[in-house]
Amino acid sequence: MSVSRLFSETIAMYRKHGWQLKRALLRQETRARLSGEAAELFNDASQMDADIDALWFARASHGTREAWELRLMGEPPYALFETFEQDEAEEDREDMRREMEARLRDYAAGRAQSS
């Protein structure tokens, strides 16, 4: 499956369940392979250079909470999930998202070493 199609199908699946794409973490080689397709795929989502390919999605959760999910792009699918209180400071949210990104990088590195 092409990289573009993998991203497109993943984004469509999440949208179907009410998630909104917020950020795309992209390796340089992935960004190059997507070339002109990135703007169409990611629309208003931030595109960030990273050492993994992953997508950040968000949606409303129970009560006034907001759910965020970080999805590693690849097979097998793998994601990390966290919810935030409505009144939680953005700085605290961002710290948690950075921690989740670090955990995902560790997971991806361990998976690559065992291959």
PDB file of N, CA and C in Angstrom:
ATOM      1  N   MET A   1       0.850  -1.173   0.000  1.00  0.00           N
ATOM      2  CA  MET A   1       0.000   0.000   0.000  1.00  0.00           C
ATOM      3  C   MET A   1       0.897   1.238   0.000  1.00  0.00           C
ATOM      4  N   SER A   2       0.541   2.231  -0.787  1.00  0.00           N
ATOM      5  CA  SER A   2       1.338   3.452  -0.847  1.00  0.00           C
ATOM      6  C   SER A   2       1.212   4.229   0.470  1.00  0.00           C
ATOM      7  N   VAL A   3       2.203   5.034   0.739  1.00  0.00           N
ATOM      8  CA  VAL A   3       2.201   5.855   1.950  1.00  0.00           C
ATOM      9  C   VAL A   3       0.994   6.785   1.941  1.00  0.00           C
ATOM     10  N   SER A   4       0.745   7.398   0.817  1.00  0.00           N
ATOM     11  CA  SER A   4      -0.384   8.314   0.694  1.00  0.00           C
ATOM     12  C   SER A   4      -1.704   7.615   1.002  1.00  0.00           C
ATOM     13  N   ARG A   5      -1.862   6.430   0.466  1.00  0.00           N
ATOM     14  CA  ARG A   5      -3.109   5.686   0.690  1.00  0.00           C
ATOM     15  C   ARG A   5      -3.244   5.261   2.158  1.00  0.00           C
ATOM     16  N   LEU A   6      -2.148   4.855   2.779  1.00  0.00           N
ATOM     17  CA  LEU A   6      -2.177   4.480   4.197  1.00  0.00           C
ATOM     18  C   LEU A   6      -2.634   5.661   5.050  1.00  0.00           C
ATOM     19  N   PHE A   7      -2.047   6.839   4.819  1.00  0.00           N
ATOM     20  CA  PHE A   7      -2.459   8.024   5.563  1.00  0.00           C
ATOM     21  C   PHE A   7      -3.924   8.346   5.285  1.00  0.00           C
ATOM     22  N   SER A   8      -4.309   8.340   4.036  1.00  0.00           N
ATOM     23  CA  SER A   8      -5.676   8.689   3.647  1.00  0.00           C
ATOM     24  C   SER A   8      -6.701   7.755   4.294  1.00  0.00           C
ATOM     25  N   GLU A   9      -6.460   6.462   4.244  1.00  0.00           N
ATOM     26  CA  GLU A   9      -7.393   5.495   4.828  1.00  0.00           C
ATOM     27  C   GLU A   9      -7.455   5.613   6.348  1.00  0.00           C
ATOM     28  N   THR A  10      -6.323   5.867   6.977  1.00  0.00           N
ATOM     29  CA  THR A  10      -6.297   6.019   8.435  1.00  0.00           C
ATOM     30  C   THR A  10      -7.075   7.263   8.852  1.00  0.00           C
ATOM     31  N   ILE A  11      -6.845   8.369   8.161  1.00  0.00           N
ATOM     32  CA  ILE A  11      -7.556   9.612   8.477  1.00  0.00           C
ATOM     33  C   ILE A  11      -9.054   9.427   8.276  1.00  0.00           C
ATOM     34  N   ALA A  12      -9.446   8.774   7.193  1.00  0.00           N
ATOM     35  CA  ALA A  12     -10.868   8.537   6.920  1.00  0.00           C
ATOM     36  C   ALA A  12     -11.507   7.681   8.009  1.00  0.00           C
ATOM     37  N   MET A  13     -10.803   6.657   8.473  1.00  0.00           N
ATOM     38  CA  MET A  13     -11.332   5.787   9.521  1.00  0.00           C
ATOM     39  C   MET A  13     -11.564   6.575  10.811  1.00  0.00           C
ATOM     40  N   TYR A  14     -10.600   7.399  11.196  1.00  0.00           N
ATOM     41  CA  TYR A  14     -10.749   8.194  12.409  1.00  0.00           C
ATOM     42  C   TYR A  14     -11.884   9.208  12.264  1.00  0.00           C
ATOM     43  N   ARG A  15     -11.964   9.876  11.121  1.00  0.00           N
ATOM     44  CA  ARG A  15     -13.052  10.847  10.898  1.00  0.00           C
ATOM     45  C   ARG A  15     -14.416  10.179  11.028  1.00  0.00           C
ATOM     46  N   LYS A  16     -14.525   8.971  10.520  1.00  0.00           N
ATOM     47  CA  LYS A  16     -15.783   8.225  10.592  1.00  0.00           C
ATOM     48  C   LYS A  16     -16.254   8.074  12.037  1.00  0.00           C
ATOM     49  N   HIS A  17     -15.314   8.038  12.960  1.00  0.00           N
ATOM     50  CA  HIS A  17     -15.624   7.861  14.383  1.00  0.00           C
ATOM     51  C   HIS A  17     -15.550   9.164  15.171  1.00  0.00           C
ATOM     52  N   GLY A  18     -15.573  10.293  14.466  1.00  0.00           N
ATOM     53  CA  GLY A  18     -15.664  11.585  15.122  1.00  0.00           C
ATOM     54  C   GLY A  18     -14.358  12.250  15.512  1.00  0.00           C
ATOM     55  N   TRP A  19     -13.239  11.698  15.079  1.00  0.00           N
ATOM     56  CA  TRP A  19     -11.942  12.277  15.419  1.00  0.00           C
ATOM     57  C   TRP A  19     -11.572  13.348  14.393  1.00  0.00           C
ATOM     58  N   GLN A  20     -10.806  14.353  14.848  1.00  0.00           N
ATOM     59  CA  GLN A  20     -10.301  15.405  13.976  1.00  0.00           C
ATOM     60  C   GLN A  20      -8.779  15.337  13.981  1.00  0.00           C
ATOM     61  N   LEU A  21      -8.184  15.326  12.790  1.00  0.00           N
ATOM     62  CA  LEU A  21      -6.730  15.319  12.678  1.00  0.00           C
ATOM     63  C   LEU A  21      -6.179  16.670  13.137  1.00  0.00           C
ATOM     64  N   LYS A  22      -5.237  16.636  14.070  1.00  0.00           N
ATOM     65  CA  LYS A  22      -4.648  17.861  14.615  1.00  0.00           C
ATOM     66  C   LYS A  22      -3.211  18.079  14.163  1.00  0.00           C
ATOM     67  N   ARG A  23      -2.423  16.988  14.115  1.00  0.00           N
ATOM     68  CA  ARG A  23      -0.998  17.091  13.793  1.00  0.00           C
ATOM     69  C   ARG A  23      -0.551  15.854  13.032  1.00  0.00           C
ATOM     70  N   ALA A  24       0.426  16.072  12.156  1.00  0.00           N
ATOM     71  CA  ALA A  24       1.072  14.958  11.454  1.00  0.00           C
ATOM     72  C   ALA A  24       2.560  15.020  11.771  1.00  0.00           C
ATOM     73  N   LEU A  25       3.089  13.947  12.344  1.00  0.00           N
ATOM     74  CA  LEU A  25       4.520  13.822  12.605  1.00  0.00           C
ATOM     75  C   LEU A  25       5.102  13.023  11.446  1.00  0.00           C
ATOM     76  N   LEU A  26       6.069  13.598  10.749  1.00  0.00           N
ATOM     77  CA  LEU A  26       6.552  12.973   9.516  1.00  0.00           C
ATOM     78  C   LEU A  26       8.075  12.904   9.466  1.00  0.00           C
ATOM     79  N   ARG A  27       8.563  11.723   9.068  1.00  0.00           N
ATOM     80  CA  ARG A  27       9.988  11.579   8.785  1.00  0.00           C
ATOM     81  C   ARG A  27      10.287  12.305   7.474  1.00  0.00           C
ATOM     82  N   GLN A  28      11.521  12.717   7.272  1.00  0.00           N
ATOM     83  CA  GLN A  28      11.890  13.431   6.048  1.00  0.00           C
ATOM     84  C   GLN A  28      11.581  12.608   4.806  1.00  0.00           C
ATOM     85  N   GLU A  29      11.900  11.323   4.848  1.00  0.00           N
ATOM     86  CA  GLU A  29      11.672  10.483   3.670  1.00  0.00           C
ATOM     87  C   GLU A  29      10.180  10.334   3.365  1.00  0.00           C
ATOM     88  N   THR A  30       9.357  10.316   4.394  1.00  0.00           N
ATOM     89  CA  THR A  30       7.909  10.234   4.185  1.00  0.00           C
ATOM     90  C   THR A  30       7.400  11.535   3.582  1.00  0.00           C
ATOM     91  N   ARG A  31       7.863  12.650   4.110  1.00  0.00           N
ATOM     92  CA  ARG A  31       7.460  13.954   3.573  1.00  0.00           C
ATOM     93  C   ARG A  31       7.827  14.041   2.084  1.00  0.00           C
ATOM     94  N   ALA A  32       9.020  13.549   1.734  1.00  0.00           N
ATOM     95  CA  ALA A  32       9.457  13.574   0.334  1.00  0.00           C
ATOM     96  C   ALA A  32       8.566  12.676  -0.536  1.00  0.00           C
ATOM     97  N   ARG A  33       8.197  11.513  -0.028  1.00  0.00           N
ATOM     98  CA  ARG A  33       7.342  10.595  -0.790  1.00  0.00           C
ATOM     99  C   ARG A  33       5.942  11.154  -0.988  1.00  0.00           C
ATOM    100  N   LEU A  34       5.464  11.916  -0.009  1.00  0.00           N
ATOM    101  CA  LEU A  34       4.127  12.516  -0.120  1.00  0.00           C
ATOM    102  C   LEU A  34       4.142  13.743  -1.024  1.00  0.00           C
ATOM    103  N   SER A  35       5.255  14.414  -1.104  1.00  0.00           N
ATOM    104  CA  SER A  35       5.462  15.649  -1.864  1.00  0.00           C
ATOM    105  C   SER A  35       4.216  16.525  -1.881  1.00  0.00           C
ATOM    106  N   GLY A  36       3.602  16.720  -3.012  1.00  0.00           N
ATOM    107  CA  GLY A  36       2.463  17.622  -3.144  1.00  0.00           C
ATOM    108  C   GLY A  36       1.180  17.134  -2.512  1.00  0.00           C
ATOM    109  N   GLU A  37       1.114  15.879  -2.117  1.00  0.00           N
ATOM    110  CA  GLU A  37      -0.115  15.322  -1.544  1.00  0.00           C
ATOM    111  C   GLU A  37      -0.332  15.709  -0.084  1.00  0.00           C
ATOM    112  N   ALA A  38       0.717  16.143   0.600  1.00  0.00           N
ATOM    113  CA  ALA A  38       0.633  16.413   2.036  1.00  0.00           C
ATOM    114  C   ALA A  38      -0.422  17.467   2.367  1.00  0.00           C
ATOM    115  N   ALA A  39      -0.452  18.544   1.622  1.00  0.00           N
ATOM    116  CA  ALA A  39      -1.419  19.617   1.911  1.00  0.00           C
ATOM    117  C   ALA A  39      -2.849  19.106   1.815  1.00  0.00           C
ATOM    118  N   GLU A  40      -3.137  18.298   0.814  1.00  0.00           N
ATOM    119  CA  GLU A  40      -4.483  17.749   0.645  1.00  0.00           C
ATOM    120  C   GLU A  40      -4.805  16.721   1.726  1.00  0.00           C
ATOM    121  N   LEU A  41      -3.848  15.888   2.068  1.00  0.00           N
ATOM    122  CA  LEU A  41      -4.065  14.855   3.086  1.00  0.00           C
ATOM    123  C   LEU A  41      -4.314  15.451   4.465  1.00  0.00           C
ATOM    124  N   PHE A  42      -3.493  16.422   4.849  1.00  0.00           N
ATOM    125  CA  PHE A  42      -3.488  16.906   6.223  1.00  0.00           C
ATOM    126  C   PHE A  42      -4.282  18.192   6.426  1.00  0.00           C
ATOM    127  N   ASN A  43      -4.747  18.828   5.359  1.00  0.00           N
ATOM    128  CA  ASN A  43      -5.549  20.054   5.437  1.00  0.00           C
ATOM    129  C   ASN A  43      -4.951  21.050   6.410  1.00  0.00           C
ATOM    130  N   ASP A  44      -5.678  21.384   7.482  1.00  0.00           N
ATOM    131  CA  ASP A  44      -5.244  22.404   8.436  1.00  0.00           C
ATOM    132  C   ASP A  44      -4.375  21.851   9.562  1.00  0.00           C
ATOM    133  N   ALA A  45      -4.161  20.556   9.593  1.00  0.00           N
ATOM    134  CA  ALA A  45      -3.355  19.960  10.665  1.00  0.00           C
ATOM    135  C   ALA A  45      -1.895  20.406  10.536  1.00  0.00           C
ATOM    136  N   SER A  46      -1.254  20.615  11.665  1.00  0.00           N
ATOM    137  CA  SER A  46       0.162  20.978  11.675  1.00  0.00           C
ATOM    138  C   SER A  46       0.984  19.801  11.174  1.00  0.00           C
ATOM    139  N   GLN A  47       1.993  20.092  10.377  1.00  0.00           N
ATOM    140  CA  GLN A  47       2.935  19.070   9.923  1.00  0.00           C
ATOM    141  C   GLN A  47       4.267  19.349  10.608  1.00  0.00           C
ATOM    142  N   MET A  48       4.778  18.324  11.306  1.00  0.00           N
ATOM    143  CA  MET A  48       5.990  18.498  12.093  1.00  0.00           C
ATOM    144  C   MET A  48       7.025  17.456  11.702  1.00  0.00           C
ATOM    145  N   ASP A  49       8.288  17.877  11.625  1.00  0.00           N
ATOM    146  CA  ASP A  49       9.369  16.937  11.366  1.00  0.00           C
ATOM    147  C   ASP A  49       9.543  16.048  12.586  1.00  0.00           C
ATOM    148  N   ALA A  50       9.741  14.754  12.330  1.00  0.00           N
ATOM    149  CA  ALA A  50       9.879  13.793  13.428  1.00  0.00           C
ATOM    150  C   ALA A  50      10.710  12.612  12.952  1.00  0.00           C
ATOM    151  N   ASP A  51      11.061  11.744  13.889  1.00  0.00           N
ATOM    152  CA  ASP A  51      11.794  10.534  13.526  1.00  0.00           C
ATOM    153  C   ASP A  51      10.872   9.325  13.442  1.00  0.00           C
ATOM    154  N   ILE A  52       9.568   9.564  13.518  1.00  0.00           N
ATOM    155  CA  ILE A  52       8.544   8.539  13.308  1.00  0.00           C
ATOM    156  C   ILE A  52       7.430   9.157  12.468  1.00  0.00           C
ATOM    157  N   ASP A  53       6.622   8.314  11.855  1.00  0.00           N
ATOM    158  CA  ASP A  53       5.419   8.777  11.169  1.00  0.00           C
ATOM    159  C   ASP A  53       4.237   8.462  12.071  1.00  0.00           C
ATOM    160  N   ALA A  54       3.535   9.516  12.482  1.00  0.00           N
ATOM    161  CA  ALA A  54       2.404   9.337  13.392  1.00  0.00           C
ATOM    162  C   ALA A  54       1.414  10.475  13.189  1.00  0.00           C
ATOM    163  N   LEU A  55       0.182  10.228  13.585  1.00  0.00           N
ATOM    164  CA  LEU A  55      -0.870  11.234  13.473  1.00  0.00           C
ATOM    165  C   LEU A  55      -1.513  11.460  14.834  1.00  0.00           C
ATOM    166  N   TRP A  56      -1.765  12.719  15.150  1.00  0.00           N
ATOM    167  CA  TRP A  56      -2.483  13.112  16.362  1.00  0.00           C
ATOM    168  C   TRP A  56      -3.925  13.404  15.998  1.00  0.00           C
ATOM    169  N   PHE A  57      -4.855  12.772  16.691  1.00  0.00           N
ATOM    170  CA  PHE A  57      -6.284  13.008  16.509  1.00  0.00           C
ATOM    171  C   PHE A  57      -6.875  13.454  17.843  1.00  0.00           C
ATOM    172  N   ALA A  58      -7.952  14.250  17.784  1.00  0.00           N
ATOM    173  CA  ALA A  58      -8.640  14.690  19.004  1.00  0.00           C
ATOM    174  C   ALA A  58     -10.143  14.671  18.760  1.00  0.00           C
ATOM    175  N   ARG A  59     -10.888  14.509  19.860  1.00  0.00           N
ATOM    176  CA  ARG A  59     -12.352  14.613  19.814  1.00  0.00           C
ATOM    177  C   ARG A  59     -12.862  14.825  21.234  1.00  0.00           C
ATOM    178  N   ALA A  60     -14.104  15.266  21.315  1.00  0.00           N
ATOM    179  CA  ALA A  60     -14.737  15.415  22.621  1.00  0.00           C
ATOM    180  C   ALA A  60     -14.869  14.037  23.258  1.00  0.00           C
ATOM    181  N   SER A  61     -14.753  14.013  24.582  1.00  0.00           N
ATOM    182  CA  SER A  61     -14.863  12.760  25.311  1.00  0.00           C
ATOM    183  C   SER A  61     -15.986  12.896  26.333  1.00  0.00           C
ATOM    184  N   HIS A  62     -16.035  11.998  27.298  1.00  0.00           N
ATOM    185  CA  HIS A  62     -17.084  12.019  28.321  1.00  0.00           C
ATOM    186  C   HIS A  62     -17.103  13.343  29.071  1.00  0.00           C
ATOM    187  N   GLY A  63     -18.290  13.845  29.296  1.00  0.00           N
ATOM    188  CA  GLY A  63     -18.438  15.106  30.019  1.00  0.00           C
ATOM    189  C   GLY A  63     -17.774  16.231  29.261  1.00  0.00           C
ATOM    190  N   THR A  64     -16.886  16.911  29.941  1.00  0.00           N
ATOM    191  CA  THR A  64     -16.191  18.043  29.319  1.00  0.00           C
ATOM    192  C   THR A  64     -14.751  17.693  28.966  1.00  0.00           C
ATOM    193  N   ARG A  65     -14.424  16.425  28.990  1.00  0.00           N
ATOM    194  CA  ARG A  65     -13.056  16.001  28.692  1.00  0.00           C
ATOM    195  C   ARG A  65     -12.806  15.993  27.190  1.00  0.00           C
ATOM    196  N   GLU A  66     -11.524  16.058  26.820  1.00  0.00           N
ATOM    197  CA  GLU A  66     -11.112  15.972  25.424  1.00  0.00           C
ATOM    198  C   GLU A  66     -10.153  14.794  25.290  1.00  0.00           C
ATOM    199  N   ALA A  67     -10.399  13.941  24.315  1.00  0.00           N
ATOM    200  CA  ALA A  67      -9.551  12.776  24.089  1.00  0.00           C
ATOM    201  C   ALA A  67      -8.554  13.074  22.972  1.00  0.00           C
ATOM    202  N   TRP A  68      -7.332  12.607  23.147  1.00  0.00           N
ATOM    203  CA  TRP A  68      -6.294  12.704  22.119  1.00  0.00           C
ATOM    204  C   TRP A  68      -5.731  11.312  21.910  1.00  0.00           C
ATOM    205  N   GLU A  69      -5.493  10.973  20.652  1.00  0.00           N
ATOM    206  CA  GLU A  69      -4.896   9.684  20.329  1.00  0.00           C
ATOM    207  C   GLU A  69      -3.744   9.911  19.362  1.00  0.00           C
ATOM    208  N   LEU A  70      -2.633   9.252  19.638  1.00  0.00           N
ATOM    209  CA  LEU A  70      -1.440   9.314  18.807  1.00  0.00           C
ATOM    210  C   LEU A  70      -1.310   7.974  18.101  1.00  0.00           C
ATOM    211  N   ARG A  71      -1.442   7.969  16.792  1.00  0.00           N
ATOM    212  CA  ARG A  71      -1.465   6.741  16.001  1.00  0.00           C
ATOM    213  C   ARG A  71      -0.176   6.595  15.201  1.00  0.00           C
ATOM    214  N   LEU A  72       0.574   5.545  15.464  1.00  0.00           N
ATOM    215  CA  LEU A  72       1.761   5.217  14.694  1.00  0.00           C
ATOM    216  C   LEU A  72       1.331   4.731  13.325  1.00  0.00           C
ATOM    217  N   MET A  73       1.930   5.265  12.275  1.00  0.00           N
ATOM    218  CA  MET A  73       1.589   4.844  10.927  1.00  0.00           C
ATOM    219  C   MET A  73       2.463   3.657  10.557  1.00  0.00           C
ATOM    220  N   GLY A  74       1.850   2.548  10.343  1.00  0.00           N
ATOM    221  CA  GLY A  74       2.573   1.335   9.997  1.00  0.00           C
ATOM    222  C   GLY A  74       1.775   0.122  10.408  1.00  0.00           C
ATOM    223  N   GLU A  75       2.353  -1.013  10.187  1.00  0.00           N
ATOM    224  CA  GLU A  75       1.708  -2.269  10.535  1.00  0.00           C
ATOM    225  C   GLU A  75       2.564  -2.979  11.568  1.00  0.00           C
ATOM    226  N   PRO A  76       2.004  -3.555  12.578  1.00  0.00           N
ATOM    227  CA  PRO A  76       0.590  -3.525  12.916  1.00  0.00           C
ATOM    228  C   PRO A  76       0.216  -2.169  13.511  1.00  0.00           C
ATOM    229  N   PRO A  77      -1.069  -1.828  13.483  1.00  0.00           N
ATOM    230  CA  PRO A  77      -1.502  -0.552  14.044  1.00  0.00           C
ATOM    231  C   PRO A  77      -1.163  -0.479  15.540  1.00  0.00           C
ATOM    232  N   TYR A  78      -0.807   0.716  15.984  1.00  0.00           N
ATOM    233  CA  TYR A  78      -0.487   0.937  17.394  1.00  0.00           C
ATOM    234  C   TYR A  78      -0.821   2.381  17.726  1.00  0.00           C
ATOM    235  N   ALA A  79      -1.448   2.612  18.867  1.00  0.00           N
ATOM    236  CA  ALA A  79      -1.826   3.968  19.249  1.00  0.00           C
ATOM    237  C   ALA A  79      -1.764   4.133  20.763  1.00  0.00           C
ATOM    238  N   LEU A  80      -1.561   5.368  21.196  1.00  0.00           N
ATOM    239  CA  LEU A  80      -1.601   5.747  22.599  1.00  0.00           C
ATOM    240  C   LEU A  80      -2.746   6.734  22.774  1.00  0.00           C
ATOM    241  N   PHE A  81      -3.422   6.673  23.921  1.00  0.00           N
ATOM    242  CA  PHE A  81      -4.637   7.443  24.157  1.00  0.00           C
ATOM    243  C   PHE A  81      -4.547   8.160  25.488  1.00  0.00           C
ATOM    244  N   GLU A  82      -5.051   9.398  25.533  1.00  0.00           N
ATOM    245  CA  GLU A  82      -5.093  10.172  26.772  1.00  0.00           C
ATOM    246  C   GLU A  82      -6.293  11.106  26.722  1.00  0.00           C
ATOM    247  N   THR A  83      -6.883  11.363  27.892  1.00  0.00           N
ATOM    248  CA  THR A  83      -7.951  12.364  27.958  1.00  0.00           C
ATOM    249  C   THR A  83      -7.491  13.503  28.863  1.00  0.00           C
ATOM    250  N   PHE A  84      -8.003  14.680  28.560  1.00  0.00           N
ATOM    251  CA  PHE A  84      -7.647  15.876  29.307  1.00  0.00           C
ATOM    252  C   PHE A  84      -8.906  16.542  29.827  1.00  0.00           C
ATOM    253  N   GLU A  85      -8.802  17.102  31.034  1.00  0.00           N
ATOM    254  CA  GLU A  85      -9.898  17.880  31.607  1.00  0.00           C
ATOM    255  C   GLU A  85     -10.018  19.200  30.856  1.00  0.00           C
ATOM    256  N   GLN A  86     -11.222  19.723  30.800  1.00  0.00           N
ATOM    257  CA  GLN A  86     -11.466  20.976  30.089  1.00  0.00           C
ATOM    258  C   GLN A  86     -10.610  22.118  30.642  1.00  0.00           C
ATOM    259  N   ASP A  87     -10.424  22.150  31.953  1.00  0.00           N
ATOM    260  CA  ASP A  87      -9.685  23.250  32.564  1.00  0.00           C
ATOM    261  C   ASP A  87      -8.187  22.968  32.716  1.00  0.00           C
ATOM    262  N   GLU A  88      -7.716  21.872  32.154  1.00  0.00           N
ATOM    263  CA  GLU A  88      -6.292  21.540  32.241  1.00  0.00           C
ATOM    264  C   GLU A  88      -5.487  22.530  31.401  1.00  0.00           C
ATOM    265  N   ALA A  89      -4.410  23.019  31.948  1.00  0.00           N
ATOM    266  CA  ALA A  89      -3.580  24.010  31.255  1.00  0.00           C
ATOM    267  C   ALA A  89      -2.991  23.425  29.977  1.00  0.00           C
ATOM    268  N   GLU A  90      -2.922  24.238  28.935  1.00  0.00           N
ATOM    269  CA  GLU A  90      -2.377  23.787  27.656  1.00  0.00           C
ATOM    270  C   GLU A  90      -0.923  23.344  27.809  1.00  0.00           C
ATOM    271  N   GLU A  91      -0.185  23.983  28.670  1.00  0.00           N
ATOM    272  CA  GLU A  91       1.201  23.595  28.917  1.00  0.00           C
ATOM    273  C   GLU A  91       1.267  22.162  29.467  1.00  0.00           C
ATOM    274  N   ASP A  92       0.378  21.813  30.371  1.00  0.00           N
ATOM    275  CA  ASP A  92       0.325  20.457  30.926  1.00  0.00           C
ATOM    276  C   ASP A  92      -0.084  19.455  29.859  1.00  0.00           C
ATOM    277  N   ARG A  93      -1.031  19.835  29.027  1.00  0.00           N
ATOM    278  CA  ARG A  93      -1.457  18.959  27.927  1.00  0.00           C
ATOM    279  C   ARG A  93      -0.283  18.693  26.979  1.00  0.00           C
ATOM    280  N   GLU A  94       0.431  19.767  26.650  1.00  0.00           N
ATOM    281  CA  GLU A  94       1.548  19.631  25.716  1.00  0.00           C
ATOM    282  C   GLU A  94       2.649  18.772  26.319  1.00  0.00           C
ATOM    283  N   ASP A  95       2.898  18.888  27.619  1.00  0.00           N
ATOM    284  CA  ASP A  95       3.886  18.019  28.281  1.00  0.00           C
ATOM    285  C   ASP A  95       3.482  16.554  28.134  1.00  0.00           C
ATOM    286  N   MET A  96       2.202  16.256  28.345  1.00  0.00           N
ATOM    287  CA  MET A  96       1.720  14.880  28.220  1.00  0.00           C
ATOM    288  C   MET A  96       1.838  14.391  26.773  1.00  0.00           C
ATOM    289  N   ARG A  97       1.525  15.247  25.816  1.00  0.00           N
ATOM    290  CA  ARG A  97       1.652  14.841  24.410  1.00  0.00           C
ATOM    291  C   ARG A  97       3.101  14.547  24.055  1.00  0.00           C
ATOM    292  N   ARG A  98       4.040  15.369  24.550  1.00  0.00           N
ATOM    293  CA  ARG A  98       5.464  15.093  24.299  1.00  0.00           C
ATOM    294  C   ARG A  98       5.878  13.761  24.921  1.00  0.00           C
ATOM    295  N   GLU A  99       5.377  13.480  26.119  1.00  0.00           N
ATOM    296  CA  GLU A  99       5.672  12.200  26.780  1.00  0.00           C
ATOM    297  C   GLU A  99       5.119  11.030  25.958  1.00  0.00           C
ATOM    298  N   MET A 100       3.920  11.200  25.424  1.00  0.00           N
ATOM    299  CA  MET A 100       3.326  10.146  24.594  1.00  0.00           C
ATOM    300  C   MET A 100       4.140   9.932  23.326  1.00  0.00           C
ATOM    301  N   GLU A 101       4.614  11.024  22.721  1.00  0.00           N
ATOM    302  CA  GLU A 101       5.450  10.904  21.527  1.00  0.00           C
ATOM    303  C   GLU A 101       6.735  10.145  21.845  1.00  0.00           C
ATOM    304  N   ALA A 102       7.328  10.411  22.995  1.00  0.00           N
ATOM    305  CA  ALA A 102       8.543   9.697  23.405  1.00  0.00           C
ATOM    306  C   ALA A 102       8.260   8.212  23.591  1.00  0.00           C
ATOM    307  N   ARG A 103       7.134   7.882  24.214  1.00  0.00           N
ATOM    308  CA  ARG A 103       6.768   6.467  24.389  1.00  0.00           C
ATOM    309  C   ARG A 103       6.543   5.792  23.047  1.00  0.00           C
ATOM    310  N   LEU A 104       5.936   6.497  22.107  1.00  0.00           N
ATOM    311  CA  LEU A 104       5.696   5.928  20.783  1.00  0.00           C
ATOM    312  C   LEU A 104       7.010   5.718  20.031  1.00  0.00           C
ATOM    313  N   ARG A 105       7.935   6.675  20.154  1.00  0.00           N
ATOM    314  CA  ARG A 105       9.251   6.505  19.519  1.00  0.00           C
ATOM    315  C   ARG A 105       9.970   5.294  20.105  1.00  0.00           C
ATOM    316  N   ASP A 106       9.900   5.122  21.435  1.00  0.00           N
ATOM    317  CA  ASP A 106      10.532   3.967  22.079  1.00  0.00           C
ATOM    318  C   ASP A 106       9.920   2.670  21.572  1.00  0.00           C
ATOM    319  N   TYR A 107       8.600   2.642  21.460  1.00  0.00           N
ATOM    320  CA  TYR A 107       7.911   1.456  20.940  1.00  0.00           C
ATOM    321  C   TYR A 107       8.372   1.153  19.508  1.00  0.00           C
ATOM    322  N   ALA A 108       8.387   2.181  18.660  1.00  0.00           N
ATOM    323  CA  ALA A 108       8.769   1.994  17.262  1.00  0.00           C
ATOM    324  C   ALA A 108      10.227   1.546  17.150  1.00  0.00           C
ATOM    325  N   ALA A 109      11.103   2.102  17.973  1.00  0.00           N
ATOM    326  CA  ALA A 109      12.523   1.706  17.953  1.00  0.00           C
ATOM    327  C   ALA A 109      12.673   0.257  18.389  1.00  0.00           C
ATOM    328  N   GLY A 110      11.956  -0.155  19.401  1.00  0.00           N
ATOM    329  CA  GLY A 110      12.020  -1.553  19.860  1.00  0.00           C
ATOM    330  C   GLY A 110      11.480  -2.511  18.826  1.00  0.00           C
ATOM    331  N   ARG A 111      10.441  -2.102  18.136  1.00  0.00           N
ATOM    332  CA  ARG A 111       9.858  -2.939  17.090  1.00  0.00           C
ATOM    333  C   ARG A 111      10.829  -3.073  15.922  1.00  0.00           C
ATOM    334  N   ALA A 112      11.535  -1.981  15.586  1.00  0.00           N
ATOM    335  CA  ALA A 112      12.485  -2.012  14.481  1.00  0.00           C
ATOM    336  C   ALA A 112      13.678  -2.907  14.812  1.00  0.00           C
ATOM    337  N   GLN A 113      14.110  -2.899  16.072  1.00  0.00           N
ATOM    338  CA  GLN A 113      15.245  -3.727  16.486  1.00  0.00           C
ATOM    339  C   GLN A 113      14.914  -5.199  16.476  1.00  0.00           C
ATOM    340  N   SER A 114      13.663  -5.546  16.740  1.00  0.00           N
ATOM    341  CA  SER A 114      13.278  -6.961  16.781  1.00  0.00           C
ATOM    342  C   SER A 114      12.969  -7.520  15.397  1.00  0.00           C
ATOM    343  N   SER A 115      12.956  -6.652  14.378  1.00  0.00           N
ATOM    344  CA  SER A 115      12.679  -7.109  13.009  1.00  0.00           C
ATOM    345  C   SER A 115      13.894  -7.725  12.379  1.00  0.00           C
TER     346      SER A 115
END
